[in-house]
PDB file of N, CA and C in Angstrom:
ATOM      1  N   UNK A   1       1.217  -1.520   0.055  1.00  0.00           N
ATOM      2  CA  UNK A   1       0.034  -0.120  -0.146  1.00  0.00           C
ATOM      3  C   UNK A   1       0.663   1.346   0.379  1.00  0.00           C
ATOM      4  N   UNK A   2       2.047   1.053   0.667  1.00  0.00           N
ATOM      5  CA  UNK A   2       2.466   2.466   0.904  1.00  0.00           C
ATOM      6  C   UNK A   2       3.203   2.876  -0.753  1.00  0.00           C
ATOM      7  N   UNK A   3       3.807   1.164  -1.450  1.00  0.00           N
ATOM      8  CA  UNK A   3       4.502   1.627  -2.258  1.00  0.00           C
ATOM      9  C   UNK A   3       3.395   2.482  -3.159  1.00  0.00           C
ATOM     10  N   UNK A   4       1.777   1.558  -3.172  1.00  0.00           N
ATOM     11  CA  UNK A   4       0.908   2.707  -4.522  1.00  0.00           C
ATOM     12  C   UNK A   4       0.796   3.779  -3.910  1.00  0.00           C
ATOM     13  N   UNK A   5       0.619   4.221  -2.844  1.00  0.00           N
ATOM     14  CA  UNK A   5       0.537   6.182  -2.281  1.00  0.00           C
ATOM     15  C   UNK A   5       1.735   7.238  -2.766  1.00  0.00           C
ATOM     16  N   UNK A   6       2.957   6.072  -2.970  1.00  0.00           N
ATOM     17  CA  UNK A   6       4.424   6.562  -3.172  1.00  0.00           C
ATOM     18  C   UNK A   6       4.402   6.731  -4.567  1.00  0.00           C
ATOM     19  N   UNK A   7       4.122   5.925  -5.266  1.00  0.00           N
ATOM     20  CA  UNK A   7       3.985   6.179  -6.907  1.00  0.00           C
ATOM     21  C   UNK A   7       2.566   6.484  -7.458  1.00  0.00           C
ATOM     22  N   UNK A   8       2.088   7.153  -7.037  1.00  0.00           N
ATOM     23  CA  UNK A   8       0.591   8.083  -7.115  1.00  0.00           C
ATOM     24  C   UNK A   8       1.669   9.649  -6.867  1.00  0.00           C
ATOM     25  N   UNK A   9       2.640  10.039  -5.720  1.00  0.00           N
ATOM     26  CA  UNK A   9       2.491  10.943  -5.523  1.00  0.00           C
ATOM     27  C   UNK A   9       3.581  10.976  -6.837  1.00  0.00           C
ATOM     28  N   UNK A  10       4.579  10.071  -7.577  1.00  0.00           N
ATOM     29  CA  UNK A  10       5.372  10.566  -8.236  1.00  0.00           C
ATOM     30  C   UNK A  10       4.852  10.497  -9.389  1.00  0.00           C
ATOM     31  N   UNK A  11       3.671  10.204  -9.347  1.00  0.00           N
ATOM     32  CA  UNK A  11       2.428  10.676 -10.730  1.00  0.00           C
ATOM     33  C   UNK A  11       2.163  11.765 -10.891  1.00  0.00           C
ATOM     34  N   UNK A  12       1.746  12.286  -9.811  1.00  0.00           N
ATOM     35  CA  UNK A  12       1.544  13.959 -10.342  1.00  0.00           C
ATOM     36  C   UNK A  12       2.651  14.798  -9.561  1.00  0.00           C
ATOM     37  N   UNK A  13       3.727  14.199  -9.691  1.00  0.00           N
ATOM     38  CA  UNK A  13       4.706  15.539  -9.793  1.00  0.00           C
ATOM     39  C   UNK A  13       5.410  15.604  -8.427  1.00  0.00           C
ATOM     40  N   UNK A  14       5.067  15.227  -7.181  1.00  0.00           N
ATOM     41  CA  UNK A  14       5.349  15.215  -5.833  1.00  0.00           C
ATOM     42  C   UNK A  14       6.262  14.552  -5.930  1.00  0.00           C
ATOM     43  N   UNK A  15       7.224  14.524  -4.438  1.00  0.00           N
ATOM     44  CA  UNK A  15       7.963  13.895  -3.881  1.00  0.00           C
ATOM     45  C   UNK A  15       7.246  12.718  -2.841  1.00  0.00           C
ATOM     46  N   UNK A  16       7.900  11.720  -2.207  1.00  0.00           N
ATOM     47  CA  UNK A  16       7.027  10.761  -0.887  1.00  0.00           C
ATOM     48  C   UNK A  16       8.276  10.674  -0.314  1.00  0.00           C
ATOM     49  N   UNK A  17       7.673  12.141   0.727  1.00  0.00           N
ATOM     50  CA  UNK A  17       8.887  12.201   1.905  1.00  0.00           C
ATOM     51  C   UNK A  17       9.458  11.072   2.473  1.00  0.00           C
ATOM     52  N   UNK A  18       8.732  10.606   2.717  1.00  0.00           N
ATOM     53  CA  UNK A  18       7.950   8.838   4.091  1.00  0.00           C
ATOM     54  C   UNK A  18       9.503   7.813   2.983  1.00  0.00           C
ATOM     55  N   UNK A  19       8.609   8.058   1.661  1.00  0.00           N
ATOM     56  CA  UNK A  19      10.285   6.853   1.348  1.00  0.00           C
ATOM     57  C   UNK A  19      11.296   7.360   0.546  1.00  0.00           C
ATOM     58  N   UNK A  20      11.974   8.288   0.636  1.00  0.00           N
ATOM     59  CA  UNK A  20      12.426   9.150   0.313  1.00  0.00           C
ATOM     60  C   UNK A  20      13.650   8.867   1.821  1.00  0.00           C
ATOM     61  N   UNK A  21      12.628   9.700   2.636  1.00  0.00           N
ATOM     62  CA  UNK A  21      13.761   9.372   3.812  1.00  0.00           C
ATOM     63  C   UNK A  21      14.194   7.667   4.187  1.00  0.00           C
ATOM     64  N   UNK A  22      13.090   6.570   4.210  1.00  0.00           N
ATOM     65  CA  UNK A  22      13.631   5.147   4.133  1.00  0.00           C
ATOM     66  C   UNK A  22      14.780   5.289   3.204  1.00  0.00           C
ATOM     67  N   UNK A  23      14.970   5.830   1.866  1.00  0.00           N
ATOM     68  CA  UNK A  23      16.154   5.357   1.150  1.00  0.00           C
ATOM     69  C   UNK A  23      16.942   5.771   1.866  1.00  0.00           C
ATOM     70  N   UNK A  24      17.611   6.875   2.340  1.00  0.00           N
ATOM     71  CA  UNK A  24      18.286   7.840   2.397  1.00  0.00           C
ATOM     72  C   UNK A  24      18.836   6.715   3.742  1.00  0.00           C
ATOM     73  N   UNK A  25      17.937   6.319   4.666  1.00  0.00           N
ATOM     74  CA  UNK A  25      18.655   5.654   5.883  1.00  0.00           C
ATOM     75  C   UNK A  25      19.268   4.192   5.899  1.00  0.00           C
ATOM     76  N   UNK A  26      18.608   3.807   4.693  1.00  0.00           N
ATOM     77  CA  UNK A  26      18.773   2.464   3.873  1.00  0.00           C
ATOM     78  C   UNK A  26      19.900   2.448   3.279  1.00  0.00           C
ATOM     79  N   UNK A  27      20.383   3.364   2.574  1.00  0.00           N
ATOM     80  CA  UNK A  27      21.831   4.040   1.711  1.00  0.00           C
ATOM     81  C   UNK A  27      22.957   4.518   2.867  1.00  0.00           C
ATOM     82  N   UNK A  28      23.014   4.929   3.271  1.00  0.00           N
ATOM     83  CA  UNK A  28      23.636   5.109   4.535  1.00  0.00           C
ATOM     84  C   UNK A  28      23.593   3.564   5.677  1.00  0.00           C
ATOM     85  N   UNK A  29      22.795   3.494   5.658  1.00  0.00           N
ATOM     86  CA  UNK A  29      23.979   1.815   6.111  1.00  0.00           C
ATOM     87  C   UNK A  29      24.350   0.881   5.754  1.00  0.00           C
ATOM     88  N   UNK A  30      24.252   0.829   3.790  1.00  0.00           N
ATOM     89  CA  UNK A  30      24.913  -0.135   3.695  1.00  0.00           C
ATOM     90  C   UNK A  30      26.324   0.392   3.280  1.00  0.00           C
ATOM     91  N   UNK A  31      25.984   1.886   3.214  1.00  0.00           N
ATOM     92  CA  UNK A  31      27.545   2.245   2.583  1.00  0.00           C
ATOM     93  C   UNK A  31      28.212   2.712   4.053  1.00  0.00           C
ATOM     94  N   UNK A  32      27.418   2.273   4.979  1.00  0.00           N
ATOM     95  CA  UNK A  32      28.946   1.683   6.844  1.00  0.00           C
ATOM     96  C   UNK A  32      29.055   0.974   6.690  1.00  0.00           C
ATOM     97  N   UNK A  33      28.072  -0.435   6.473  1.00  0.00           N
ATOM     98  CA  UNK A  33      28.386  -1.692   6.097  1.00  0.00           C
ATOM     99  C   UNK A  33      29.844  -2.266   5.491  1.00  0.00           C
ATOM    100  N   UNK A  34      29.486  -1.566   4.379  1.00  0.00           N
ATOM    101  CA  UNK A  34      30.518  -1.394   2.777  1.00  0.00           C
ATOM    102  C   UNK A  34      32.128  -0.845   3.854  1.00  0.00           C
ATOM    103  N   UNK A  35      32.127   0.650   4.021  1.00  0.00           N
ATOM    104  CA  UNK A  35      33.155   0.365   5.040  1.00  0.00           C
ATOM    105  C   UNK A  35      33.994  -0.245   6.059  1.00  0.00           C
ATOM    106  N   UNK A  36      32.620  -0.872   6.313  1.00  0.00           N
ATOM    107  CA  UNK A  36      33.140  -1.794   8.003  1.00  0.00           C
ATOM    108  C   UNK A  36      33.815  -2.635   7.330  1.00  0.00           C
ATOM    109  N   UNK A  37      33.747  -3.301   6.125  1.00  0.00           N
ATOM    110  CA  UNK A  37      34.272  -4.425   5.911  1.00  0.00           C
ATOM    111  C   UNK A  37      35.366  -4.280   5.147  1.00  0.00           C
ATOM    112  N   UNK A  38      35.673  -3.045   4.641  1.00  0.00           N
ATOM    113  CA  UNK A  38      36.911  -2.759   3.845  1.00  0.00           C
ATOM    114  C   UNK A  38      37.411  -2.844   4.854  1.00  0.00           C
ATOM    115  N   UNK A  39      37.675  -1.797   6.153  1.00  0.00           N
ATOM    116  CA  UNK A  39      38.388  -1.722   7.097  1.00  0.00           C
ATOM    117  C   UNK A  39      38.553  -2.928   7.332  1.00  0.00           C
ATOM    118  N   UNK A  40      37.912  -3.531   7.913  1.00  0.00           N
ATOM    119  CA  UNK A  40      38.418  -5.389   8.252  1.00  0.00           C
ATOM    120  C   UNK A  40      39.590  -6.421   7.426  1.00  0.00           C
ATOM    121  N   UNK A  41      39.291  -5.442   6.455  1.00  0.00           N
ATOM    122  CA  UNK A  41      40.066  -6.353   5.217  1.00  0.00           C
ATOM    123  C   UNK A  41      41.379  -5.606   5.284  1.00  0.00           C
ATOM    124  N   UNK A  42      41.725  -4.118   5.621  1.00  0.00           N
ATOM    125  CA  UNK A  42      43.352  -3.210   6.064  1.00  0.00           C
ATOM    126  C   UNK A  42      43.138  -2.526   4.773  1.00  0.00           C
ATOM    127  N   UNK A  43      41.739  -2.342   4.292  1.00  0.00           N
ATOM    128  CA  UNK A  43      41.549  -1.142   3.760  1.00  0.00           C
ATOM    129  C   UNK A  43      41.805  -0.005   4.143  1.00  0.00           C
ATOM    130  N   UNK A  44      41.534   1.323   3.409  1.00  0.00           N
ATOM    131  CA  UNK A  44      41.219   2.857   4.173  1.00  0.00           C
ATOM    132  C   UNK A  44      40.589   3.455   3.322  1.00  0.00           C
ATOM    133  N   UNK A  45      40.143   3.154   1.625  1.00  0.00           N
ATOM    134  CA  UNK A  45      39.314   2.739   0.760  1.00  0.00           C
ATOM    135  C   UNK A  45      38.263   2.193   0.074  1.00  0.00           C
ATOM    136  N   UNK A  46      37.606   2.922  -0.147  1.00  0.00           N
ATOM    137  CA  UNK A  46      36.510   2.138  -1.487  1.00  0.00           C
ATOM    138  C   UNK A  46      35.960   3.120  -2.959  1.00  0.00           C
ATOM    139  N   UNK A  47      36.615   2.542  -3.360  1.00  0.00           N
ATOM    140  CA  UNK A  47      36.570   2.343  -5.109  1.00  0.00           C
ATOM    141  C   UNK A  47      35.467   1.867  -5.975  1.00  0.00           C
ATOM    142  N   UNK A  48      34.882   2.702  -6.663  1.00  0.00           N
ATOM    143  CA  UNK A  48      34.008   2.293  -7.486  1.00  0.00           C
ATOM    144  C   UNK A  48      32.397   1.317  -7.054  1.00  0.00           C
ATOM    145  N   UNK A  49      32.553   2.734  -6.218  1.00  0.00           N
ATOM    146  CA  UNK A  49      30.886   2.437  -5.485  1.00  0.00           C
ATOM    147  C   UNK A  49      29.814   1.836  -6.186  1.00  0.00           C
ATOM    148  N   UNK A  50      28.933   1.180  -5.831  1.00  0.00           N
ATOM    149  CA  UNK A  50      27.698   0.919  -6.661  1.00  0.00           C
ATOM    150  C   UNK A  50      26.734   0.393  -5.985  1.00  0.00           C
ATOM    151  N   UNK A  51      25.170   1.294  -6.006  1.00  0.00           N
ATOM    152  CA  UNK A  51      24.597   1.206  -4.937  1.00  0.00           C
ATOM    153  C   UNK A  51      23.084   0.691  -5.657  1.00  0.00           C
ATOM    154  N   UNK A  52      22.610   0.090  -5.676  1.00  0.00           N
ATOM    155  CA  UNK A  52      21.626  -1.210  -5.692  1.00  0.00           C
ATOM    156  C   UNK A  52      19.927  -0.872  -5.174  1.00  0.00           C
ATOM    157  N   UNK A  53      19.148  -0.756  -5.515  1.00  0.00           N
ATOM    158  CA  UNK A  53      18.061  -0.398  -4.770  1.00  0.00           C
ATOM    159  C   UNK A  53      16.484  -1.385  -5.288  1.00  0.00           C
ATOM    160  N   UNK A  54      16.091  -2.062  -4.241  1.00  0.00           N
ATOM    161  CA  UNK A  54      15.005  -3.273  -5.103  1.00  0.00           C
ATOM    162  C   UNK A  54      13.999  -2.975  -4.369  1.00  0.00           C
ATOM    163  N   UNK A  55      12.879  -2.695  -4.877  1.00  0.00           N
ATOM    164  CA  UNK A  55      11.657  -2.907  -4.166  1.00  0.00           C
ATOM    165  C   UNK A  55      11.698  -3.997  -3.514  1.00  0.00           C
ATOM    166  N   UNK A  56      10.958  -4.385  -2.472  1.00  0.00           N
ATOM    167  CA  UNK A  56      10.470  -6.108  -2.336  1.00  0.00           C
ATOM    168  C   UNK A  56       9.020  -6.352  -2.012  1.00  0.00           C
ATOM    169  N   UNK A  57       8.223  -6.979  -1.748  1.00  0.00           N
ATOM    170  CA  UNK A  57       6.551  -6.803  -1.493  1.00  0.00           C
ATOM    171  C   UNK A  57       6.678  -6.178   0.705  1.00  0.00           C
ATOM    172  N   UNK A  58       5.237  -6.134   0.126  1.00  0.00           N
ATOM    173  CA  UNK A  58       4.703  -5.636   1.793  1.00  0.00           C
ATOM    174  C   UNK A  58       6.229  -4.422   2.266  1.00  0.00           C
ATOM    175  N   UNK A  59       6.219  -3.617   0.748  1.00  0.00           N
ATOM    176  CA  UNK A  59       7.293  -1.953   1.164  1.00  0.00           C
ATOM    177  C   UNK A  59       8.559  -2.696   1.950  1.00  0.00           C
ATOM    178  N   UNK A  60       9.066  -3.501   1.501  1.00  0.00           N
ATOM    179  CA  UNK A  60      10.364  -3.554   2.067  1.00  0.00           C
ATOM    180  C   UNK A  60      11.489  -3.834   1.124  1.00  0.00           C
ATOM    181  N   UNK A  61      12.609  -3.187   1.078  1.00  0.00           N
ATOM    182  CA  UNK A  61      13.347  -2.425   0.513  1.00  0.00           C
ATOM    183  C   UNK A  61      14.841  -3.203   0.374  1.00  0.00           C
ATOM    184  N   UNK A  62      15.636  -3.357  -0.626  1.00  0.00           N
ATOM    185  CA  UNK A  62      16.890  -4.015  -0.439  1.00  0.00           C
ATOM    186  C   UNK A  62      18.235  -2.973  -1.356  1.00  0.00           C
ATOM    187  N   UNK A  63      18.836  -2.975  -0.060  1.00  0.00           N
ATOM    188  CA  UNK A  63      19.426  -1.844  -1.127  1.00  0.00           C
ATOM    189  C   UNK A  63      21.025  -2.747  -0.798  1.00  0.00           C
ATOM    190  N   UNK A  64      22.014  -2.647  -2.105  1.00  0.00           N
ATOM    191  CA  UNK A  64      23.159  -3.253  -1.554  1.00  0.00           C
ATOM    192  C   UNK A  64      24.273  -2.288  -1.997  1.00  0.00           C
ATOM    193  N   UNK A  65      24.769  -2.113  -1.075  1.00  0.00           N
ATOM    194  CA  UNK A  65      26.722  -1.703  -2.135  1.00  0.00           C
ATOM    195  C   UNK A  65      27.400  -2.409  -2.360  1.00  0.00           C
ATOM    196  N   UNK A  66      28.500  -2.203  -3.403  1.00  0.00           N
ATOM    197  CA  UNK A  66      29.257  -2.525  -3.319  1.00  0.00           C
ATOM    198  C   UNK A  66      30.637  -2.158  -4.372  1.00  0.00           C
ATOM    199  N   UNK A  67      31.699  -2.473  -3.861  1.00  0.00           N
ATOM    200  CA  UNK A  67      32.877  -1.715  -4.323  1.00  0.00           C
ATOM    201  C   UNK A  67      34.518  -2.372  -4.129  1.00  0.00           C
ATOM    202  N   UNK A  68      35.172  -1.758  -4.635  1.00  0.00           N
ATOM    203  CA  UNK A  68      36.709  -2.181  -4.467  1.00  0.00           C
ATOM    204  C   UNK A  68      37.492  -1.224  -3.243  1.00  0.00           C
ATOM    205  N   UNK A  69      37.831  -2.706  -2.343  1.00  0.00           N
ATOM    206  CA  UNK A  69      38.309  -2.209  -1.382  1.00  0.00           C
ATOM    207  C   UNK A  69      40.189  -2.228  -1.464  1.00  0.00           C
ATOM    208  N   UNK A  70      40.391  -0.695  -1.312  1.00  0.00           N
ATOM    209  CA  UNK A  70      41.643  -0.593  -1.644  1.00  0.00           C
ATOM    210  C   UNK A  70      42.542   0.353  -0.812  1.00  0.00           C
ATOM    211  N   UNK A  71      43.844  -0.155  -0.782  1.00  0.00           N
ATOM    212  CA  UNK A  71      44.614   0.458   0.405  1.00  0.00           C
ATOM    213  C   UNK A  71      45.725   1.541  -0.257  1.00  0.00           C
ATOM    214  N   UNK A  72      45.857   2.625  -0.015  1.00  0.00           N
ATOM    215  CA  UNK A  72      46.139   4.155  -0.747  1.00  0.00           C
ATOM    216  C   UNK A  72      47.185   4.442  -0.120  1.00  0.00           C
TER     217      UNK A  72
END
Protein backbone atom coordinates (compact mmCIF):
# COMPACT_ATOMS: atom_id res chain seq x y z
CA UNK A 1 0.00 0.00 0.00
CA UNK A 2 2.87 2.35 0.85
CA UNK A 3 4.42 1.79 -2.58
CA UNK A 4 1.06 2.50 -4.17
CA UNK A 5 0.78 5.91 -2.51
CA UNK A 6 4.43 6.69 -3.24
CA UNK A 7 3.87 5.92 -6.91
CA UNK A 8 0.76 8.14 -7.00
CA UNK A 9 2.77 10.97 -5.47
CA UNK A 10 5.43 10.48 -8.14
CA UNK A 11 2.85 10.43 -10.95
CA UNK A 12 1.37 13.78 -9.94
CA UNK A 13 4.83 15.33 -9.73
CA UNK A 14 5.38 15.29 -5.99
CA UNK A 15 7.83 13.34 -3.92
CA UNK A 16 7.13 10.90 -1.12
CA UNK A 17 9.02 12.18 1.92
CA UNK A 18 8.60 8.94 3.88
CA UNK A 19 9.86 6.85 0.96
CA UNK A 20 12.84 9.15 0.37
CA UNK A 21 13.68 9.09 4.07
CA UNK A 22 13.75 5.29 4.12
CA UNK A 23 15.92 5.23 0.99
CA UNK A 24 18.38 7.63 2.62
CA UNK A 25 18.52 5.55 5.81
CA UNK A 26 19.11 2.38 3.80
CA UNK A 27 21.77 4.04 1.66
CA UNK A 28 23.67 5.21 4.75
CA UNK A 29 23.44 1.78 6.39
CA UNK A 30 24.68 0.02 3.24
CA UNK A 31 27.62 2.42 2.84
CA UNK A 32 28.54 2.12 6.54
CA UNK A 33 28.56 -1.66 6.27
CA UNK A 34 30.70 -1.46 3.12
CA UNK A 35 33.18 0.80 4.95
CA UNK A 36 33.36 -1.54 7.96
CA UNK A 37 34.01 -4.56 5.76
CA UNK A 38 36.75 -2.71 3.87
CA UNK A 39 38.45 -1.73 7.15
CA UNK A 40 38.35 -5.36 8.34
CA UNK A 41 40.21 -6.26 5.13
CA UNK A 42 42.90 -3.69 5.94
CA UNK A 43 41.74 -1.17 3.35
CA UNK A 44 41.57 2.57 3.92
CA UNK A 45 39.24 3.37 1.04
CA UNK A 46 36.63 2.00 -1.34
CA UNK A 47 36.46 2.82 -5.04
CA UNK A 48 33.96 2.06 -7.82
CA UNK A 49 31.02 2.06 -5.40
CA UNK A 50 27.72 0.87 -6.87
CA UNK A 51 24.37 1.09 -5.08
CA UNK A 52 21.47 -1.11 -6.16
CA UNK A 53 17.94 -0.49 -4.88
CA UNK A 54 15.15 -3.07 -5.04
CA UNK A 55 11.60 -2.81 -3.75
CA UNK A 56 10.42 -6.12 -2.35
CA UNK A 57 6.95 -7.16 -1.29
CA UNK A 58 5.11 -5.59 1.65
CA UNK A 59 6.99 -2.29 1.30
CA UNK A 60 10.41 -3.77 2.11
CA UNK A 61 13.48 -2.44 0.35
CA UNK A 62 16.82 -4.04 -0.32
CA UNK A 63 19.84 -1.82 -0.84
CA UNK A 64 23.14 -3.40 -1.85
CA UNK A 65 26.42 -1.49 -1.84
CA UNK A 66 29.41 -2.97 -3.66
CA UNK A 67 32.86 -1.59 -4.31
CA UNK A 68 36.55 -2.37 -4.41
CA UNK A 69 38.47 -2.08 -1.15
CA UNK A 70 41.84 -0.36 -1.63
CA UNK A 71 44.82 0.68 0.43
CA UNK A 72 46.45 3.92 -0.69
